[in-house]
Protein backbone atom coordinates (compact mmCIF):
# COMPACT_ATOMS: atom_id res chain seq x y z
CA MET A 1 -46.93 -52.81 -44.21
CA ALA A 2 -45.73 -50.08 -46.52
CA ALA A 3 -46.68 -47.50 -43.88
CA VAL A 4 -44.60 -49.33 -41.25
CA ASP A 5 -41.59 -49.47 -43.57
CA SER A 6 -41.92 -45.77 -44.29
CA PHE A 7 -42.08 -45.02 -40.56
CA HIS A 8 -38.92 -47.09 -39.91
CA LEU A 9 -37.13 -45.37 -42.73
CA LEU A 10 -38.13 -41.94 -41.43
CA TYR A 11 -37.06 -42.92 -37.92
CA ARG A 12 -33.62 -44.01 -39.15
CA GLU A 13 -33.17 -40.77 -41.05
CA VAL A 14 -34.15 -38.70 -38.02
CA ALA A 15 -31.88 -40.74 -35.75
CA ARG A 16 -28.96 -40.33 -38.17
CA SER A 17 -29.60 -36.60 -38.41
CA CYS A 18 -29.80 -36.22 -34.61
CA HIS A 19 -26.60 -38.20 -34.19
CA ASN A 20 -24.80 -35.92 -36.63
CA HIS A 21 -26.15 -32.86 -34.84
CA PHE A 22 -25.10 -34.20 -31.45
CA GLU A 23 -21.60 -34.83 -32.78
CA PHE A 24 -21.48 -31.28 -34.12
CA LEU A 25 -22.70 -29.84 -30.81
CA ALA A 26 -20.18 -31.96 -28.91
CA VAL A 27 -17.35 -30.58 -31.05
CA VAL A 28 -18.61 -27.01 -30.57
CA GLY A 29 -18.91 -27.56 -26.81
CA ALA A 30 -15.39 -29.02 -26.62
CA LEU A 31 -13.95 -26.08 -28.57
CA TYR A 32 -15.78 -23.56 -26.38
CA THR A 33 -14.59 -25.26 -23.19
CA ALA A 34 -11.03 -25.39 -24.49
CA ARG A 35 -11.16 -21.71 -25.44
CA LYS A 36 -12.45 -20.74 -21.99
CA GLY A 37 -9.82 -22.89 -20.32
CA VAL A 38 -7.01 -21.32 -22.33
CA SER A 39 -8.42 -17.85 -21.61
CA ILE A 40 -8.48 -18.50 -17.83
CA LEU A 41 -4.95 -19.90 -17.89
CA TYR A 42 -3.68 -16.91 -19.87
CA GLU A 43 -5.34 -14.42 -17.54
CA PHE A 44 -3.93 -16.24 -14.53
CA TYR A 45 -0.47 -16.18 -16.13
CA SER A 46 -0.87 -12.44 -16.77
CA VAL A 47 -1.69 -11.86 -13.10
CA VAL A 48 1.40 -13.81 -12.00
CA ARG A 49 3.65 -12.05 -14.53
CA LEU A 50 2.41 -8.59 -13.55
CA HIS A 51 2.56 -8.99 -9.78
CA VAL A 52 5.55 -11.31 -9.38
CA THR A 53 8.02 -9.99 -11.97
CA PRO A 54 8.32 -6.45 -10.50
CA HIS A 55 9.31 -7.99 -7.14
CA ILE A 56 12.16 -9.89 -8.79
CA LEU A 57 13.50 -7.05 -10.92
CA ARG A 58 15.66 -4.26 -9.52
CA ARG A 59 13.70 -1.36 -8.02
CA ARG A 60 13.28 1.31 -10.71
CA ASP A 61 14.33 4.93 -10.38
CA LEU A 62 11.01 6.69 -11.00
CA VAL A 63 12.57 10.16 -10.83
CA LYS A 64 14.93 9.30 -13.67
CA GLN A 65 12.21 7.47 -15.59
CA TYR A 66 9.43 10.06 -15.31
CA GLY A 67 10.46 13.29 -13.58
CA GLU A 68 11.01 15.04 -10.26
CA TRP A 69 7.44 15.89 -9.27
CA ALA A 70 4.26 13.86 -8.85
CA VAL A 71 0.80 15.42 -8.69
CA VAL A 72 -1.88 13.56 -6.73
CA THR A 73 -5.52 14.68 -6.71
CA GLY A 74 -7.88 13.43 -4.03
CA ALA A 75 -4.73 13.36 -1.95
CA THR A 76 -6.33 12.95 1.48
CA ASP A 77 -8.33 9.78 0.92
CA ILE A 78 -6.67 6.49 1.86
CA ILE A 79 -5.53 5.50 -1.64
CA GLY A 80 -4.44 8.97 -2.71
CA LYS A 81 -2.47 9.55 0.47
CA ALA A 82 -0.83 6.11 0.41
CA TYR A 83 0.08 6.44 -3.27
CA ALA A 84 1.64 9.86 -2.59
CA GLU A 85 3.63 8.40 0.33
CA GLU A 86 4.91 5.53 -1.80
CA LEU A 87 6.05 7.92 -4.54
CA ALA A 88 7.72 10.10 -1.90
CA SER A 89 9.55 7.06 -0.53
CA ARG A 90 11.02 6.68 -4.02
CA GLY A 91 12.35 10.22 -4.02
CA LEU A 92 9.67 12.15 -5.91
CA ASN A 93 8.56 15.57 -4.71
CA ILE A 94 4.81 15.63 -4.17
CA ILE A 95 2.07 18.12 -5.04
CA LEU A 96 -1.15 17.36 -3.21
CA ILE A 97 -4.51 18.60 -4.49
CA CYS A 98 -7.72 18.41 -2.49
CA SER A 99 -10.65 20.49 -1.25
CA ASN A 100 -9.95 19.96 2.46
CA ARG A 101 -7.40 22.57 3.52
CA GLU A 102 -6.67 21.23 7.01
CA GLU A 103 -6.14 17.63 5.95
CA LEU A 104 -4.10 18.81 2.99
CA HIS A 105 -1.66 20.59 5.30
CA ASN A 106 -1.45 17.60 7.64
CA VAL A 107 -0.72 15.13 4.85
CA SER A 108 1.83 17.48 3.26
CA GLU A 109 3.73 17.97 6.52
CA ALA A 110 3.67 14.26 7.33
CA ILE A 111 5.09 13.29 3.93
CA ALA A 112 7.79 15.97 3.99
CA GLY A 113 8.81 15.05 7.53
CA THR A 114 8.86 11.31 6.96
CA TYR A 115 10.48 11.08 3.52
CA GLY A 116 12.52 14.28 3.31
CA VAL A 117 11.09 15.39 -0.03
CA ASN A 118 9.61 18.70 -1.10
CA THR A 119 5.85 18.93 -0.90
CA SER A 120 3.40 21.53 -2.09
CA ILE A 121 -0.36 21.83 -1.72
CA ILE A 122 -3.03 23.23 -4.00
CA TYR A 123 -6.50 23.80 -2.64
CA ALA A 124 -9.03 23.04 -5.37
CA ASP A 125 -12.69 22.08 -5.32
CA PHE A 126 -13.30 20.19 -8.56
CA SER A 127 -17.05 20.13 -7.92
CA LYS A 128 -17.13 23.84 -8.85
CA GLY A 129 -16.28 23.08 -12.47
CA ARG A 130 -13.82 24.94 -14.69
CA GLU A 131 -13.05 27.70 -12.19
CA ALA A 132 -10.77 25.32 -10.26
CA TYR A 133 -8.16 24.86 -12.97
CA ALA A 134 -6.64 28.29 -13.60
CA SER A 135 -4.77 28.31 -10.27
CA ILE A 136 -3.66 24.69 -10.75
CA ALA A 137 -2.23 25.42 -14.20
CA GLN A 138 -0.40 28.44 -12.83
CA SER A 139 1.09 26.47 -9.93
CA LEU A 140 2.31 23.62 -12.16
CA ARG A 141 3.55 25.74 -15.06
CA ASP A 142 7.31 25.61 -14.36
CA LEU A 143 7.55 22.22 -12.65
CA ASP A 144 8.92 18.97 -14.05
CA VAL A 145 5.73 16.98 -13.46
CA GLY A 146 6.56 13.37 -14.21
CA ILE A 147 3.56 11.54 -12.73
CA LEU A 148 -0.08 12.58 -12.49
CA VAL A 149 -2.38 10.52 -10.27
CA ASN A 150 -6.03 11.33 -10.95
CA ASN A 151 -7.61 10.06 -7.74
CA ALA A 152 -10.34 12.67 -7.15
CA ARG A 153 -13.80 11.12 -7.07
CA VAL A 154 -17.23 11.35 -5.47
CA PRO A 155 -17.90 8.29 -3.29
CA TYR A 156 -21.32 6.72 -2.91
CA GLU A 157 -22.83 5.13 0.16
CA TYR A 158 -25.69 3.16 -1.36
CA PRO A 159 -27.31 2.57 -4.78
CA GLN A 160 -29.79 5.16 -6.04
CA CYS A 161 -31.86 5.53 -9.18
CA ILE A 162 -31.18 8.55 -11.35
CA LEU A 163 -34.40 10.33 -10.34
CA GLU A 164 -33.54 9.96 -6.65
CA ILE A 165 -30.22 11.81 -6.92
CA PRO A 166 -30.32 15.59 -6.35
CA GLU A 167 -29.29 17.64 -9.38
CA ASP A 168 -26.35 19.17 -7.50
CA LYS A 169 -25.03 15.67 -6.79
CA VAL A 170 -25.29 14.73 -10.46
CA TRP A 171 -23.17 17.74 -11.45
CA GLU A 172 -20.70 16.97 -8.68
CA ILE A 173 -20.21 13.44 -10.00
CA ILE A 174 -19.67 14.71 -13.53
CA ASN A 175 -17.28 17.49 -12.48
CA VAL A 176 -15.20 15.38 -10.08
CA ASN A 177 -15.29 11.85 -11.49
CA VAL A 178 -15.03 12.79 -15.16
CA ALA A 179 -14.06 16.40 -15.88
CA ALA A 180 -11.27 16.60 -13.28
CA ALA A 181 -9.27 13.79 -14.89
CA VAL A 182 -9.63 15.30 -18.36
CA MET A 183 -8.67 18.81 -17.30
CA MET A 184 -5.69 17.66 -15.22
CA VAL A 185 -4.41 15.72 -18.23
CA ARG A 186 -4.73 18.84 -20.38
CA ILE A 187 -2.66 20.79 -17.85
CA VAL A 188 0.28 18.38 -17.45
CA VAL A 189 0.54 16.63 -20.82
CA PRO A 190 2.12 19.51 -22.79
CA GLY A 191 5.13 19.54 -20.45
CA MET A 192 5.38 15.74 -20.45
CA ALA A 193 5.24 15.63 -24.25
CA GLN A 194 7.95 18.28 -24.49
CA ARG A 195 10.22 16.25 -22.18
CA LYS A 196 9.25 12.96 -23.89
CA ARG A 197 8.47 11.24 -20.60
CA GLY A 198 5.70 10.99 -18.04
CA ALA A 199 3.00 8.79 -16.56
CA ILE A 200 -0.72 9.31 -15.96
CA VAL A 201 -2.59 7.10 -13.50
CA ASN A 202 -6.39 7.31 -13.58
CA VAL A 203 -7.76 5.73 -10.41
CA SER A 204 -11.25 4.30 -10.75
CA PRO A 205 -12.09 2.04 -7.79
CA GLY A 206 -13.75 -1.05 -9.12
CA THR A 207 -15.97 -3.54 -7.40
CA ALA A 208 -16.09 -7.26 -7.66
CA TYR A 209 -19.75 -7.02 -6.77
CA ARG A 210 -21.54 -5.76 -9.86
CA HIS A 211 -24.86 -3.88 -9.86
CA SER A 212 -23.89 -2.06 -6.66
CA ALA A 213 -23.17 1.42 -8.01
CA ILE A 214 -25.51 4.23 -8.91
CA THR A 215 -25.93 4.95 -12.61
CA GLN A 216 -23.73 8.05 -12.80
CA ILE A 217 -20.90 6.44 -10.81
CA ALA A 218 -20.93 3.37 -13.04
CA ALA A 219 -20.98 5.55 -16.15
CA SER A 220 -18.05 7.64 -14.90
CA LYS A 221 -16.04 4.44 -14.38
CA ALA A 222 -16.78 3.39 -17.95
CA TYR A 223 -15.74 6.84 -19.16
CA LEU A 224 -12.39 6.70 -17.36
CA ASP A 225 -11.78 3.24 -18.78
CA LYS A 226 -12.37 4.36 -22.37
CA PHE A 227 -10.59 7.67 -21.79
CA SER A 228 -7.49 5.88 -20.48
CA ARG A 229 -7.40 3.42 -23.39
CA GLN A 230 -7.70 6.14 -26.02
CA LEU A 231 -5.26 8.40 -24.19
CA GLN A 232 -2.64 5.64 -24.17
CA CYS A 233 -3.00 5.25 -27.93
CA GLU A 234 -2.76 9.00 -28.43
CA LEU A 235 0.23 9.65 -26.14
CA ARG A 236 2.32 6.51 -26.58
CA SER A 237 4.46 8.10 -29.30
CA SER A 238 5.18 11.03 -26.95
CA GLY A 239 6.79 8.75 -24.36
CA ILE A 240 3.87 9.08 -21.92
CA PHE A 241 2.50 6.00 -20.16
CA VAL A 242 -1.19 5.88 -19.22
CA GLN A 243 -2.63 3.47 -16.68
CA LEU A 244 -6.15 2.77 -15.44
CA LEU A 245 -5.92 1.62 -11.82
CA THR A 246 -9.02 -0.20 -10.53
CA PRO A 247 -8.55 -1.21 -6.88
CA LEU A 248 -11.14 -3.25 -5.03
CA CYS A 249 -11.40 -3.17 -1.22
CA VAL A 250 -8.50 -1.35 0.46
CA GLY A 251 -8.30 -0.85 4.21
CA ASP A 252 -6.98 2.06 6.23
CA LYS A 253 -3.66 1.06 7.79
CA HIS A 254 -4.73 2.78 11.02
CA GLU A 255 -8.16 1.16 11.27
CA PRO A 256 -9.14 -2.51 10.96
CA SER A 257 -11.51 -3.51 8.17
CA ALA A 258 -15.15 -3.98 9.04
CA GLY A 259 -17.22 -7.14 8.88
CA THR A 260 -15.96 -10.36 7.35
CA LEU A 261 -13.24 -8.40 5.54
CA HIS A 262 -11.39 -8.19 8.85
CA TYR A 263 -10.63 -11.90 8.50
CA LEU A 264 -9.37 -11.63 4.90
CA PRO A 265 -6.28 -9.40 5.15
CA ALA A 266 -4.71 -10.86 2.01
CA PHE A 267 -7.72 -9.75 -0.04
CA VAL A 268 -8.13 -6.40 1.71
CA PRO A 269 -4.63 -4.96 1.95
CA SER A 270 -3.87 -1.90 4.02
CA SER A 271 -3.47 1.27 1.97
CA ASP A 272 0.33 1.31 2.26
CA VAL A 273 0.63 -2.31 1.15
CA TYR A 274 -1.72 -1.66 -1.74
CA ALA A 275 0.17 1.46 -2.86
CA ARG A 276 3.50 -0.36 -2.75
CA HIS A 277 2.17 -3.04 -5.10
CA ALA A 278 0.32 -0.58 -7.33
CA VAL A 279 3.35 1.64 -7.93
CA ARG A 280 5.34 -1.43 -9.00
CA THR A 281 2.90 -1.92 -11.89
CA LEU A 282 3.50 1.62 -13.18
CA GLY A 283 4.93 1.48 -16.68
CA ILE A 284 4.21 -2.25 -16.93
CA SER A 285 0.42 -2.64 -17.21
CA SER A 286 -1.95 -0.09 -18.75
CA ARG A 287 -4.97 -1.56 -16.97
CA THR A 288 -4.71 -3.29 -13.60
CA THR A 289 -6.22 -3.57 -10.14
CA GLY A 290 -2.74 -2.86 -8.80
CA TYR A 291 -2.73 -5.76 -6.34
CA TRP A 292 -2.38 -9.50 -6.92
CA ALA A 293 -5.33 -10.61 -4.77
CA HIS A 294 -7.61 -8.01 -6.36
CA SER A 295 -6.64 -9.28 -9.80
CA LEU A 296 -7.48 -12.84 -8.75
CA GLN A 297 -10.82 -11.66 -7.36
CA LEU A 298 -11.63 -9.85 -10.57
CA LEU A 299 -10.70 -12.92 -12.58
CA ALA A 300 -12.94 -15.12 -10.43
CA PHE A 301 -15.90 -12.76 -10.51
CA GLN A 302 -15.89 -12.67 -14.32
CA TRP A 303 -17.38 -16.16 -14.20
CA ILE A 304 -19.93 -15.50 -11.45
CA PRO A 305 -23.47 -14.13 -12.08
CA GLY A 306 -24.12 -10.52 -11.09
CA TRP A 307 -26.68 -11.37 -8.39
CA MET A 308 -24.15 -13.67 -6.71
CA CYS A 309 -21.47 -10.94 -6.82
CA THR A 310 -23.85 -8.57 -5.08
CA SER A 311 -24.76 -11.14 -2.41
CA VAL A 312 -21.12 -11.94 -1.69
CA GLY A 313 -20.28 -8.24 -1.46
CA ARG A 314 -23.04 -7.59 1.07
CA GLY A 315 -22.04 -10.62 3.10
CA LEU A 316 -18.40 -9.52 3.31
CA LEU A 317 -19.38 -6.08 4.56
CA GLN A 318 -21.64 -7.37 7.33
CA HIS A 319 -20.34 -7.38 10.90
């Protein structure tokens, strides 16, 4: 009988303890859910504020705000070219930098003819390392460079392990995706700091579908992210604005998007539409996708497992 009473007593104590623990866990769970809910609502509000407010406000005079000239590297790819065109439409003179001479001339002539601004080209192959920068520094020395767009990058076609990538390709990624942005900043910042105005845009195409990039590409994106954050802290007192621009899928305005993306035009804007939205965020957000639908995608994919992101990405790109 005494053993039964002891068992009942022990059972009641365990039940009371479990009940208290369940109450504690329920409170913790409720607090965590509330915190996540508030976080999602705040991020959604931030997306709306960033991408709606600039459309309501009066169009800014970027020449007056930053300077007469804009420098765009990687100027012949769809984002670089569209960004240069959008800046030209706002009255900035454009300096285009790329390693493709023929395309460089074509883009320069098209922008000058369409928007009536001055354009200049600089042929530079960033993959060669430090030898590319002496001529650039000389060409930009006496110009009022107000905006620098670091868009040069090495694209990738499919994921590869580090041992599968040729050594030359590794150096190319480092020289173009990382070193080019740093060296271009070193060239233009002294003049910007002297004039107490300027903007630097580091373009690092993101992806909503994680685990899809090769190691060096992913690392270079992380570098540009950290570099941009620290640079903003360092240059803020000099009147220089620094932005990390992380676009997702952007289509060529002359060619329809492939696969399922063809049916999602709102989520895959043409390059000119994307550039128009991205330039509106200049001076407002130091880190943005540049486009409202991309920001919503990024917000959604923060709560989705990596394997699902990869599966969705592959499905969207299939014909």
